[in-house]
């Protein structure tokens, strides 16, 4: 139950961040989306580890920013 609550918190946080930024550039939106997906993936792959979640979010943000053209 604790793991799913953490994932739900990340989704709600990402949604609230994206909804408040109407004039984001494509790269910024890619970075935020990548951070959300990476954080969820890191959380799931490491069994809810804080370090795994943060590392996944950082990696996702980096990839999301550089993949979007």
C-alpha atoms as a PDB file:
ATOM      1  CA  UNK A   1       0.000   0.000   0.000  1.00  0.00           C
ATOM      2  CA  UNK A   2       2.847   2.364   0.808  1.00  0.00           C
ATOM      3  CA  UNK A   3       4.415   1.973  -2.645  1.00  0.00           C
ATOM      4  CA  UNK A   4       1.221   2.823  -4.496  1.00  0.00           C
ATOM      5  CA  UNK A   5       0.669   5.884  -2.293  1.00  0.00           C
ATOM      6  CA  UNK A   6       4.110   7.183  -3.271  1.00  0.00           C
ATOM      7  CA  UNK A   7       3.386   6.642  -6.955  1.00  0.00           C
ATOM      8  CA  UNK A   8       0.052   8.432  -6.643  1.00  0.00           C
ATOM      9  CA  UNK A   9       1.780  11.360  -4.930  1.00  0.00           C
ATOM     10  CA  UNK A  10       4.270  11.621  -7.796  1.00  0.00           C
ATOM     11  CA  UNK A  11       1.481  11.590 -10.380  1.00  0.00           C
ATOM     12  CA  UNK A  12      -0.491  14.273  -8.533  1.00  0.00           C
ATOM     13  CA  UNK A  13       2.627  16.415  -8.143  1.00  0.00           C
ATOM     14  CA  UNK A  14       3.510  16.116 -11.825  1.00  0.00           C
ATOM     15  CA  UNK A  15      -0.050  16.942 -12.883  1.00  0.00           C
ATOM     16  CA  UNK A  16      -0.190  20.006 -10.645  1.00  0.00           C
ATOM     17  CA  UNK A  17       3.168  21.244 -11.929  1.00  0.00           C
ATOM     18  CA  UNK A  18       2.153  20.826 -15.550  1.00  0.00           C
ATOM     19  CA  UNK A  19      -1.260  22.422 -15.117  1.00  0.00           C
ATOM     20  CA  UNK A  20       0.243  25.573 -13.610  1.00  0.00           C
ATOM     21  CA  UNK A  21       2.629  26.193 -16.487  1.00  0.00           C
ATOM     22  CA  UNK A  22       0.649  27.202 -19.551  1.00  0.00           C
ATOM     23  CA  UNK A  23       3.591  28.734 -21.394  1.00  0.00           C
ATOM     24  CA  UNK A  24       6.270  26.064 -21.059  1.00  0.00           C
ATOM     25  CA  UNK A  25       8.727  25.494 -23.844  1.00  0.00           C
ATOM     26  CA  UNK A  26       8.765  22.034 -25.408  1.00  0.00           C
ATOM     27  CA  UNK A  27      12.073  21.268 -23.719  1.00  0.00           C
ATOM     28  CA  UNK A  28      10.764  22.260 -20.290  1.00  0.00           C
ATOM     29  CA  UNK A  29       7.627  20.164 -20.765  1.00  0.00           C
ATOM     30  CA  UNK A  30       9.782  17.229 -21.885  1.00  0.00           C
ATOM     31  CA  UNK A  31      11.957  17.638 -18.819  1.00  0.00           C
ATOM     32  CA  UNK A  32       8.972  17.665 -16.440  1.00  0.00           C
ATOM     33  CA  UNK A  33       7.323  14.713 -18.140  1.00  0.00           C
ATOM     34  CA  UNK A  34      10.576  12.777 -18.174  1.00  0.00           C
ATOM     35  CA  UNK A  35      11.134  13.490 -14.484  1.00  0.00           C
ATOM     36  CA  UNK A  36       7.659  12.218 -13.630  1.00  0.00           C
ATOM     37  CA  UNK A  37       8.016   9.030 -15.666  1.00  0.00           C
ATOM     38  CA  UNK A  38      11.594   8.460 -14.498  1.00  0.00           C
ATOM     39  CA  UNK A  39      10.635   8.980 -10.872  1.00  0.00           C
ATOM     40  CA  UNK A  40       7.803   6.471 -11.170  1.00  0.00           C
ATOM     41  CA  UNK A  41      10.048   3.967 -12.921  1.00  0.00           C
ATOM     42  CA  UNK A  42      12.845   4.424 -10.376  1.00  0.00           C
ATOM     43  CA  UNK A  43      10.383   3.997  -7.535  1.00  0.00           C
ATOM     44  CA  UNK A  44       8.931   0.826  -9.032  1.00  0.00           C
ATOM     45  CA  UNK A  45      12.271  -0.733  -9.978  1.00  0.00           C
ATOM     46  CA  UNK A  46      13.896  -0.170  -6.590  1.00  0.00           C
ATOM     47  CA  UNK A  47      10.946  -1.153  -4.435  1.00  0.00           C
ATOM     48  CA  UNK A  48      10.153   2.362  -3.241  1.00  0.00           C
ATOM     49  CA  UNK A  49      13.705   3.456  -2.502  1.00  0.00           C
ATOM     50  CA  UNK A  50      14.100   7.214  -2.155  1.00  0.00           C
ATOM     51  CA  UNK A  51      17.455   7.125  -3.908  1.00  0.00           C
ATOM     52  CA  UNK A  52      15.995   5.084  -6.770  1.00  0.00           C
ATOM     53  CA  UNK A  53      13.095   7.521  -7.142  1.00  0.00           C
ATOM     54  CA  UNK A  54      15.349  10.573  -7.160  1.00  0.00           C
ATOM     55  CA  UNK A  55      17.849   8.980  -9.545  1.00  0.00           C
ATOM     56  CA  UNK A  56      15.035   7.923 -11.878  1.00  0.00           C
ATOM     57  CA  UNK A  57      13.571  11.432 -11.824  1.00  0.00           C
ATOM     58  CA  UNK A  58      16.958  13.012 -12.550  1.00  0.00           C
ATOM     59  CA  UNK A  59      17.682  10.616 -15.396  1.00  0.00           C
ATOM     60  CA  UNK A  60      14.189  11.040 -16.804  1.00  0.00           C
ATOM     61  CA  UNK A  61      14.452  14.828 -16.659  1.00  0.00           C
ATOM     62  CA  UNK A  62      17.768  14.737 -18.509  1.00  0.00           C
ATOM     63  CA  UNK A  63      16.488  12.395 -21.195  1.00  0.00           C
ATOM     64  CA  UNK A  64      13.159  14.198 -21.501  1.00  0.00           C
ATOM     65  CA  UNK A  65      14.877  17.530 -22.064  1.00  0.00           C
ATOM     66  CA  UNK A  66      17.317  16.230 -24.655  1.00  0.00           C
ATOM     67  CA  UNK A  67      14.995  13.935 -26.600  1.00  0.00           C
ATOM     68  CA  UNK A  68      12.374  16.616 -27.321  1.00  0.00           C
ATOM     69  CA  UNK A  69      13.226  18.693 -30.382  1.00  0.00           C
END
